[in-house]
Amino acid sequence: MKTIYTLFILAIAFVWITFSCNNAPQAPTVAIDSTSMSKDGKACKPIKDPNNPKPMALMMRIMAANADSMRSEILRGEKLDSLKYPFIKFYLAEPTDSNVLEMQFFDNARLFQVAYNQVFQHPTEQKKYYNLLINSCIHCHESYCSGPLKRIRKFPIE
């Protein structure tokens, strides 16, 4: 548990340091996935990430990883620990598209935080409140940044 917490803190520190120290524009990053590899293991066609990930996007990726870990723990019958999964104030970070910073977005963020806290306030009903948390993610992403919806819709527990 200490290892996961330490890795989480290191990831947050890395993101913070990366974006606070370098404000120079960067070229799009190049990602290579398994479908872009030839049989001998050499890259055939690089895939460009059209967006340089902004801090909010990076925080959302951490939140998705946390949601996946929380899901696994609930399925194993374990109780979630709020110290292991601290709330990430993603709504304070720079978004990929600044047009999302409107009242509805901040209302959704507030509702997400309420749902997040309820997961830990109801240890005997964590599955129910976890699913409500994921539904708040889906609700927001239906209005803003629909790209990760396919992944988010896999998180609820049946």
N, C-alpha and C. Protein backbone atom coordinates (compact mmCIF):
# COMPACT_ATOMS: atom_id res chain seq x y z
N MET A 1 0.82 -1.17 0.00
CA MET A 1 0.00 0.00 0.00
C MET A 1 0.88 1.25 0.00
N LYS A 2 1.99 1.21 0.76
CA LYS A 2 2.89 2.35 0.78
C LYS A 2 3.50 2.58 -0.59
N THR A 3 3.76 1.48 -1.32
CA THR A 3 4.36 1.60 -2.64
C THR A 3 3.42 2.32 -3.59
N ILE A 4 2.15 1.96 -3.57
CA ILE A 4 1.17 2.59 -4.46
C ILE A 4 1.04 4.07 -4.10
N TYR A 5 0.97 4.35 -2.81
CA TYR A 5 0.84 5.74 -2.37
C TYR A 5 2.07 6.54 -2.79
N THR A 6 3.25 5.95 -2.63
CA THR A 6 4.49 6.61 -3.02
C THR A 6 4.52 6.88 -4.51
N LEU A 7 4.11 5.88 -5.32
CA LEU A 7 4.07 6.06 -6.77
C LEU A 7 3.09 7.16 -7.16
N PHE A 8 1.96 7.22 -6.46
CA PHE A 8 0.96 8.24 -6.74
C PHE A 8 1.55 9.62 -6.46
N ILE A 9 2.20 9.78 -5.33
CA ILE A 9 2.80 11.06 -4.97
C ILE A 9 3.88 11.44 -5.97
N LEU A 10 4.70 10.47 -6.37
CA LEU A 10 5.74 10.74 -7.36
C LEU A 10 5.15 11.18 -8.69
N ALA A 11 4.05 10.55 -9.10
CA ALA A 11 3.40 10.92 -10.36
C ALA A 11 2.89 12.36 -10.29
N ILE A 12 2.25 12.72 -9.19
CA ILE A 12 1.75 14.08 -9.02
C ILE A 12 2.92 15.07 -9.03
N ALA A 13 4.00 14.73 -8.31
CA ALA A 13 5.16 15.62 -8.27
C ALA A 13 5.77 15.78 -9.66
N PHE A 14 5.85 14.69 -10.41
CA PHE A 14 6.40 14.75 -11.76
C PHE A 14 5.57 15.68 -12.65
N VAL A 15 4.25 15.53 -12.59
CA VAL A 15 3.36 16.37 -13.39
C VAL A 15 3.52 17.83 -12.98
N TRP A 16 3.54 18.08 -11.71
CA TRP A 16 3.66 19.45 -11.21
C TRP A 16 4.98 20.08 -11.64
N ILE A 17 6.07 19.35 -11.46
CA ILE A 17 7.39 19.88 -11.83
C ILE A 17 7.48 20.10 -13.33
N THR A 18 6.99 19.14 -14.09
CA THR A 18 7.06 19.23 -15.55
C THR A 18 6.36 20.48 -16.06
N PHE A 19 5.19 20.79 -15.54
CA PHE A 19 4.43 21.89 -16.08
C PHE A 19 4.69 23.22 -15.39
N SER A 20 5.36 23.21 -14.27
CA SER A 20 5.67 24.48 -13.63
C SER A 20 7.02 25.02 -14.05
N CYS A 21 7.90 24.16 -14.56
CA CYS A 21 9.25 24.59 -14.91
C CYS A 21 9.41 24.94 -16.38
N ASN A 22 8.59 24.41 -17.25
CA ASN A 22 8.81 24.59 -18.67
C ASN A 22 7.55 25.16 -19.30
N ASN A 23 7.55 26.44 -19.59
CA ASN A 23 6.40 27.08 -20.22
C ASN A 23 6.59 27.28 -21.72
N ALA A 24 7.70 26.79 -22.26
CA ALA A 24 7.97 26.94 -23.69
C ALA A 24 7.05 26.02 -24.48
N PRO A 25 6.57 26.45 -25.66
CA PRO A 25 5.74 25.58 -26.48
C PRO A 25 6.54 24.36 -26.91
N GLN A 26 5.83 23.24 -26.98
CA GLN A 26 6.47 21.99 -27.35
C GLN A 26 5.81 21.42 -28.59
N ALA A 27 6.59 20.65 -29.33
CA ALA A 27 6.04 19.96 -30.49
C ALA A 27 5.17 18.81 -30.01
N PRO A 28 4.18 18.40 -30.80
CA PRO A 28 3.37 17.26 -30.40
C PRO A 28 4.24 16.04 -30.15
N THR A 29 3.82 15.27 -29.14
CA THR A 29 4.58 14.06 -28.84
C THR A 29 4.23 12.96 -29.83
N VAL A 30 5.13 12.03 -29.97
CA VAL A 30 4.90 10.91 -30.86
C VAL A 30 4.75 9.66 -30.03
N ALA A 31 3.65 8.96 -30.24
CA ALA A 31 3.41 7.71 -29.52
C ALA A 31 3.45 6.56 -30.51
N ILE A 32 3.98 5.45 -30.07
CA ILE A 32 4.02 4.27 -30.92
C ILE A 32 3.29 3.16 -30.20
N ASP A 33 2.27 2.62 -30.84
CA ASP A 33 1.58 1.49 -30.23
C ASP A 33 1.92 0.21 -30.98
N SER A 34 1.39 -0.92 -30.50
CA SER A 34 1.77 -2.21 -31.08
C SER A 34 1.31 -2.35 -32.52
N THR A 35 0.27 -1.63 -32.93
CA THR A 35 -0.21 -1.74 -34.31
C THR A 35 0.69 -0.99 -35.28
N SER A 36 1.57 -0.15 -34.76
CA SER A 36 2.45 0.60 -35.65
C SER A 36 3.85 0.00 -35.70
N MET A 37 3.99 -1.24 -35.25
CA MET A 37 5.29 -1.91 -35.25
C MET A 37 5.33 -2.94 -36.39
N SER A 38 6.49 -3.02 -37.04
CA SER A 38 6.67 -4.05 -38.06
C SER A 38 7.01 -5.37 -37.36
N LYS A 39 7.10 -6.45 -38.13
CA LYS A 39 7.39 -7.76 -37.55
C LYS A 39 8.74 -7.81 -36.86
N ASP A 40 9.69 -7.00 -37.31
CA ASP A 40 11.01 -7.01 -36.68
C ASP A 40 11.09 -6.03 -35.51
N GLY A 41 9.95 -5.44 -35.11
CA GLY A 41 9.93 -4.58 -33.93
C GLY A 41 10.27 -3.13 -34.18
N LYS A 42 10.46 -2.73 -35.43
CA LYS A 42 10.78 -1.33 -35.72
C LYS A 42 9.49 -0.55 -35.97
N ALA A 43 9.53 0.70 -35.62
CA ALA A 43 8.35 1.54 -35.81
C ALA A 43 8.09 1.78 -37.28
N CYS A 44 6.84 1.61 -37.71
CA CYS A 44 6.46 1.84 -39.10
C CYS A 44 5.84 3.22 -39.27
N LYS A 45 4.87 3.52 -38.45
CA LYS A 45 4.15 4.77 -38.61
C LYS A 45 3.90 5.39 -37.23
N PRO A 46 4.61 6.44 -36.91
CA PRO A 46 4.38 7.07 -35.61
C PRO A 46 3.01 7.72 -35.57
N ILE A 47 2.41 7.71 -34.40
CA ILE A 47 1.11 8.32 -34.20
C ILE A 47 1.33 9.58 -33.39
N LYS A 48 0.92 10.72 -33.94
CA LYS A 48 1.11 11.98 -33.23
C LYS A 48 -0.04 12.23 -32.27
N ASP A 49 0.31 12.64 -31.08
CA ASP A 49 -0.69 13.08 -30.12
C ASP A 49 -1.03 14.51 -30.51
N PRO A 50 -2.25 14.76 -30.99
CA PRO A 50 -2.58 16.10 -31.48
C PRO A 50 -2.57 17.16 -30.39
N ASN A 51 -2.70 16.74 -29.15
CA ASN A 51 -2.70 17.70 -28.05
C ASN A 51 -1.50 17.42 -27.15
N ASN A 52 -0.78 18.47 -26.83
CA ASN A 52 0.20 18.32 -25.76
C ASN A 52 -0.64 18.23 -24.49
N PRO A 53 -0.56 17.13 -23.78
CA PRO A 53 -1.44 16.98 -22.62
C PRO A 53 -1.28 18.12 -21.62
N LYS A 54 -2.38 18.72 -21.28
CA LYS A 54 -2.39 19.80 -20.31
C LYS A 54 -2.51 19.19 -18.90
N PRO A 55 -2.24 19.97 -17.88
CA PRO A 55 -2.29 19.43 -16.52
C PRO A 55 -3.63 18.77 -16.16
N MET A 56 -4.75 19.35 -16.60
CA MET A 56 -6.04 18.74 -16.27
C MET A 56 -6.16 17.37 -16.91
N ALA A 57 -5.72 17.23 -18.15
CA ALA A 57 -5.79 15.93 -18.83
C ALA A 57 -4.92 14.90 -18.10
N LEU A 58 -3.75 15.31 -17.67
CA LEU A 58 -2.88 14.40 -16.94
C LEU A 58 -3.49 14.00 -15.60
N MET A 59 -4.13 14.95 -14.93
CA MET A 59 -4.80 14.64 -13.67
C MET A 59 -5.95 13.67 -13.90
N MET A 60 -6.68 13.88 -14.99
CA MET A 60 -7.79 12.98 -15.31
C MET A 60 -7.28 11.56 -15.55
N ARG A 61 -6.13 11.42 -16.15
CA ARG A 61 -5.55 10.09 -16.37
C ARG A 61 -5.21 9.43 -15.04
N ILE A 62 -4.71 10.20 -14.10
CA ILE A 62 -4.43 9.67 -12.76
C ILE A 62 -5.74 9.26 -12.09
N MET A 63 -6.77 10.10 -12.25
CA MET A 63 -8.07 9.79 -11.66
C MET A 63 -8.65 8.52 -12.27
N ALA A 64 -8.46 8.31 -13.56
CA ALA A 64 -8.94 7.08 -14.20
C ALA A 64 -8.20 5.87 -13.65
N ALA A 65 -6.90 6.00 -13.46
CA ALA A 65 -6.13 4.90 -12.88
C ALA A 65 -6.60 4.62 -11.46
N ASN A 66 -6.88 5.67 -10.70
CA ASN A 66 -7.41 5.49 -9.35
C ASN A 66 -8.76 4.80 -9.37
N ALA A 67 -9.64 5.21 -10.28
CA ALA A 67 -10.96 4.59 -10.38
C ALA A 67 -10.84 3.11 -10.69
N ASP A 68 -9.91 2.77 -11.56
CA ASP A 68 -9.68 1.36 -11.90
C ASP A 68 -9.19 0.59 -10.68
N SER A 69 -8.27 1.17 -9.93
CA SER A 69 -7.76 0.52 -8.72
C SER A 69 -8.86 0.39 -7.67
N MET A 70 -9.66 1.44 -7.52
CA MET A 70 -10.77 1.40 -6.56
C MET A 70 -11.75 0.30 -6.94
N ARG A 71 -12.03 0.18 -8.22
CA ARG A 71 -12.94 -0.86 -8.71
C ARG A 71 -12.42 -2.24 -8.33
N SER A 72 -11.14 -2.46 -8.56
CA SER A 72 -10.53 -3.76 -8.25
C SER A 72 -10.63 -4.06 -6.76
N GLU A 73 -10.37 -3.08 -5.93
CA GLU A 73 -10.44 -3.28 -4.48
C GLU A 73 -11.87 -3.60 -4.04
N ILE A 74 -12.84 -2.90 -4.58
CA ILE A 74 -14.24 -3.17 -4.23
C ILE A 74 -14.61 -4.58 -4.65
N LEU A 75 -14.21 -4.99 -5.86
CA LEU A 75 -14.53 -6.34 -6.33
C LEU A 75 -13.88 -7.42 -5.47
N ARG A 76 -12.75 -7.10 -4.86
CA ARG A 76 -12.09 -8.05 -3.95
C ARG A 76 -12.69 -8.00 -2.55
N GLY A 77 -13.65 -7.12 -2.34
CA GLY A 77 -14.29 -7.00 -1.03
C GLY A 77 -13.51 -6.16 -0.04
N GLU A 78 -12.55 -5.40 -0.51
CA GLU A 78 -11.74 -4.55 0.37
C GLU A 78 -12.42 -3.20 0.56
N LYS A 79 -12.16 -2.59 1.69
CA LYS A 79 -12.68 -1.25 1.97
C LYS A 79 -11.69 -0.22 1.45
N LEU A 80 -12.20 0.78 0.79
CA LEU A 80 -11.35 1.83 0.22
C LEU A 80 -10.87 2.78 1.32
N ASP A 81 -9.66 3.27 1.14
CA ASP A 81 -9.04 4.18 2.09
C ASP A 81 -8.87 5.55 1.43
N SER A 82 -9.46 6.57 2.04
CA SER A 82 -9.38 7.92 1.45
C SER A 82 -7.96 8.47 1.45
N LEU A 83 -7.09 7.94 2.31
CA LEU A 83 -5.70 8.39 2.30
C LEU A 83 -4.96 7.84 1.09
N LYS A 84 -5.36 6.67 0.65
CA LYS A 84 -4.74 6.06 -0.52
C LYS A 84 -5.21 6.75 -1.80
N TYR A 85 -6.43 7.25 -1.77
CA TYR A 85 -7.02 7.91 -2.94
C TYR A 85 -7.46 9.33 -2.58
N PRO A 86 -6.52 10.24 -2.38
CA PRO A 86 -6.91 11.61 -2.04
C PRO A 86 -7.62 12.28 -3.23
N PHE A 87 -8.51 13.19 -2.90
CA PHE A 87 -9.22 13.91 -3.96
C PHE A 87 -8.26 14.80 -4.72
N ILE A 88 -8.34 14.76 -6.03
CA ILE A 88 -7.48 15.57 -6.90
C ILE A 88 -8.31 16.76 -7.40
N LYS A 89 -7.86 17.96 -7.12
CA LYS A 89 -8.59 19.17 -7.52
C LYS A 89 -8.29 19.50 -8.99
N PHE A 90 -8.78 18.64 -9.86
CA PHE A 90 -8.53 18.76 -11.30
C PHE A 90 -9.09 20.05 -11.87
N TYR A 91 -10.17 20.56 -11.30
CA TYR A 91 -10.85 21.74 -11.83
C TYR A 91 -10.02 23.02 -11.66
N LEU A 92 -8.93 22.95 -10.90
CA LEU A 92 -8.05 24.11 -10.74
C LEU A 92 -6.91 24.12 -11.75
N ALA A 93 -6.75 23.02 -12.49
CA ALA A 93 -5.64 22.89 -13.44
C ALA A 93 -6.03 23.44 -14.81
N GLU A 94 -5.01 23.69 -15.61
CA GLU A 94 -5.22 24.20 -16.97
C GLU A 94 -5.81 23.09 -17.85
N PRO A 95 -6.99 23.33 -18.46
CA PRO A 95 -7.59 22.33 -19.34
C PRO A 95 -7.01 22.39 -20.75
N THR A 96 -7.24 21.34 -21.51
CA THR A 96 -6.83 21.32 -22.91
C THR A 96 -7.57 22.40 -23.68
N ASP A 97 -8.86 22.55 -23.39
CA ASP A 97 -9.70 23.56 -24.05
C ASP A 97 -10.24 24.49 -22.97
N SER A 98 -9.81 25.73 -22.97
CA SER A 98 -10.24 26.67 -21.93
C SER A 98 -11.72 27.02 -22.02
N ASN A 99 -12.38 26.66 -23.12
CA ASN A 99 -13.81 26.93 -23.26
C ASN A 99 -14.65 26.12 -22.28
N VAL A 100 -14.08 25.06 -21.70
CA VAL A 100 -14.85 24.24 -20.76
C VAL A 100 -15.02 24.93 -19.41
N LEU A 101 -14.26 25.97 -19.16
CA LEU A 101 -14.31 26.63 -17.85
C LEU A 101 -15.52 27.54 -17.76
N GLU A 102 -16.67 26.92 -17.63
CA GLU A 102 -17.92 27.65 -17.47
C GLU A 102 -18.66 27.10 -16.25
N MET A 103 -19.74 27.71 -15.86
CA MET A 103 -20.44 27.34 -14.63
C MET A 103 -20.84 25.87 -14.58
N GLN A 104 -21.35 25.33 -15.69
CA GLN A 104 -21.78 23.94 -15.68
C GLN A 104 -20.61 23.00 -15.37
N PHE A 105 -19.44 23.30 -15.91
CA PHE A 105 -18.26 22.48 -15.63
C PHE A 105 -17.95 22.49 -14.14
N PHE A 106 -17.96 23.68 -13.53
CA PHE A 106 -17.64 23.78 -12.11
C PHE A 106 -18.73 23.16 -11.24
N ASP A 107 -19.99 23.25 -11.68
CA ASP A 107 -21.07 22.55 -10.97
C ASP A 107 -20.85 21.04 -11.03
N ASN A 108 -20.48 20.54 -12.22
CA ASN A 108 -20.20 19.11 -12.35
C ASN A 108 -19.02 18.70 -11.47
N ALA A 109 -18.00 19.54 -11.39
CA ALA A 109 -16.83 19.25 -10.55
C ALA A 109 -17.23 19.18 -9.08
N ARG A 110 -18.10 20.09 -8.66
CA ARG A 110 -18.58 20.09 -7.27
C ARG A 110 -19.37 18.81 -6.98
N LEU A 111 -20.25 18.42 -7.91
CA LEU A 111 -21.02 17.18 -7.74
C LEU A 111 -20.11 15.96 -7.73
N PHE A 112 -19.07 16.00 -8.55
CA PHE A 112 -18.09 14.91 -8.55
C PHE A 112 -17.42 14.80 -7.18
N GLN A 113 -17.04 15.94 -6.61
CA GLN A 113 -16.37 15.91 -5.31
C GLN A 113 -17.30 15.37 -4.22
N VAL A 114 -18.57 15.72 -4.27
CA VAL A 114 -19.54 15.19 -3.32
C VAL A 114 -19.64 13.67 -3.48
N ALA A 115 -19.76 13.20 -4.72
CA ALA A 115 -19.85 11.76 -4.98
C ALA A 115 -18.58 11.05 -4.54
N TYR A 116 -17.44 11.68 -4.76
CA TYR A 116 -16.15 11.10 -4.37
C TYR A 116 -16.08 10.91 -2.85
N ASN A 117 -16.50 11.93 -2.12
CA ASN A 117 -16.49 11.85 -0.66
C ASN A 117 -17.45 10.79 -0.14
N GLN A 118 -18.59 10.64 -0.81
CA GLN A 118 -19.58 9.65 -0.37
C GLN A 118 -19.06 8.22 -0.49
N VAL A 119 -18.20 7.96 -1.44
CA VAL A 119 -17.63 6.62 -1.58
C VAL A 119 -16.95 6.22 -0.28
N PHE A 120 -16.25 7.15 0.34
CA PHE A 120 -15.50 6.85 1.56
C PHE A 120 -16.36 7.00 2.82
N GLN A 121 -17.45 7.76 2.74
CA GLN A 121 -18.32 7.95 3.89
C GLN A 121 -19.27 6.78 4.10
N HIS A 122 -19.41 5.92 3.10
CA HIS A 122 -20.33 4.78 3.19
C HIS A 122 -19.58 3.48 2.91
N PRO A 123 -18.76 3.03 3.87
CA PRO A 123 -17.92 1.85 3.62
C PRO A 123 -18.71 0.56 3.36
N THR A 124 -19.94 0.49 3.85
CA THR A 124 -20.72 -0.74 3.61
C THR A 124 -21.45 -0.70 2.27
N GLU A 125 -21.48 0.45 1.64
CA GLU A 125 -22.16 0.59 0.34
C GLU A 125 -21.23 1.18 -0.70
N GLN A 126 -19.97 0.79 -0.67
CA GLN A 126 -19.00 1.40 -1.58
C GLN A 126 -19.30 1.11 -3.04
N LYS A 127 -19.82 -0.06 -3.34
CA LYS A 127 -20.14 -0.38 -4.74
C LYS A 127 -21.17 0.61 -5.28
N LYS A 128 -22.22 0.83 -4.51
CA LYS A 128 -23.29 1.75 -4.92
C LYS A 128 -22.72 3.16 -5.14
N TYR A 129 -21.96 3.65 -4.18
CA TYR A 129 -21.45 5.02 -4.27
C TYR A 129 -20.32 5.15 -5.29
N TYR A 130 -19.58 4.08 -5.49
CA TYR A 130 -18.56 4.07 -6.55
C TYR A 130 -19.25 4.23 -7.91
N ASN A 131 -20.33 3.48 -8.12
CA ASN A 131 -21.06 3.58 -9.39
C ASN A 131 -21.66 4.98 -9.58
N LEU A 132 -22.14 5.59 -8.50
CA LEU A 132 -22.64 6.97 -8.59
C LEU A 132 -21.51 7.93 -8.95
N LEU A 133 -20.33 7.68 -8.41
CA LEU A 133 -19.15 8.48 -8.74
C LEU A 133 -18.84 8.38 -10.23
N ILE A 134 -18.82 7.16 -10.74
CA ILE A 134 -18.52 6.95 -12.16
C ILE A 134 -19.61 7.59 -13.03
N ASN A 135 -20.85 7.51 -12.58
CA ASN A 135 -21.94 8.16 -13.33
C ASN A 135 -21.74 9.67 -13.39
N SER A 136 -21.18 10.25 -12.34
CA SER A 136 -20.91 11.70 -12.38
C SER A 136 -19.82 12.01 -13.40
N CYS A 137 -18.86 11.11 -13.56
CA CYS A 137 -17.83 11.28 -14.60
C CYS A 137 -18.48 11.24 -15.98
N ILE A 138 -19.32 10.24 -16.18
CA ILE A 138 -19.99 10.06 -17.47
C ILE A 138 -20.83 11.30 -17.79
N HIS A 139 -21.60 11.75 -16.81
CA HIS A 139 -22.47 12.92 -17.02
C HIS A 139 -21.66 14.13 -17.48
N CYS A 140 -20.54 14.39 -16.84
CA CYS A 140 -19.73 15.55 -17.22
C CYS A 140 -19.10 15.35 -18.59
N HIS A 141 -18.56 14.16 -18.82
CA HIS A 141 -17.87 13.92 -20.09
C HIS A 141 -18.83 13.84 -21.28
N GLU A 142 -20.12 13.70 -21.03
CA GLU A 142 -21.09 13.79 -22.12
C GLU A 142 -21.21 15.23 -22.61
N SER A 143 -20.91 16.18 -21.74
CA SER A 143 -20.96 17.60 -22.10
C SER A 143 -19.60 18.16 -22.48
N TYR A 144 -18.55 17.65 -21.85
CA TYR A 144 -17.19 18.17 -22.05
C TYR A 144 -16.25 17.01 -22.33
N CYS A 145 -15.47 17.12 -23.36
CA CYS A 145 -14.40 16.15 -23.64
C CYS A 145 -14.92 14.71 -23.66
N SER A 146 -15.61 14.36 -24.72
CA SER A 146 -16.23 13.04 -24.80
C SER A 146 -15.25 11.92 -25.15
N GLY A 147 -14.01 12.26 -25.46
CA GLY A 147 -13.03 11.25 -25.85
C GLY A 147 -12.90 10.06 -24.92
N PRO A 148 -12.79 10.28 -23.61
CA PRO A 148 -12.58 9.14 -22.70
C PRO A 148 -13.86 8.40 -22.30
N LEU A 149 -15.01 8.76 -22.86
CA LEU A 149 -16.26 8.12 -22.44
C LEU A 149 -16.23 6.60 -22.61
N LYS A 150 -15.66 6.12 -23.69
CA LYS A 150 -15.63 4.67 -23.92
C LYS A 150 -14.91 3.97 -22.76
N ARG A 151 -13.81 4.54 -22.33
CA ARG A 151 -13.05 3.95 -21.21
C ARG A 151 -13.83 4.09 -19.90
N ILE A 152 -14.39 5.27 -19.65
CA ILE A 152 -15.10 5.51 -18.39
C ILE A 152 -16.30 4.58 -18.25
N ARG A 153 -16.98 4.30 -19.35
CA ARG A 153 -18.18 3.44 -19.30
C ARG A 153 -17.85 1.99 -18.94
N LYS A 154 -16.57 1.64 -18.92
CA LYS A 154 -16.16 0.29 -18.51
C LYS A 154 -15.94 0.20 -17.00
N PHE A 155 -15.94 1.32 -16.30
CA PHE A 155 -15.63 1.34 -14.87
C PHE A 155 -16.75 0.88 -13.94
N PRO A 156 -18.04 1.12 -14.24
CA PRO A 156 -19.06 0.72 -13.27
C PRO A 156 -19.00 -0.77 -12.94
N ILE A 157 -19.44 -1.09 -11.74
CA ILE A 157 -19.48 -2.48 -11.27
C ILE A 157 -20.91 -2.98 -11.42
N GLU A 158 -21.06 -4.10 -12.08
CA GLU A 158 -22.39 -4.69 -12.29
C GLU A 158 -22.97 -5.22 -10.99
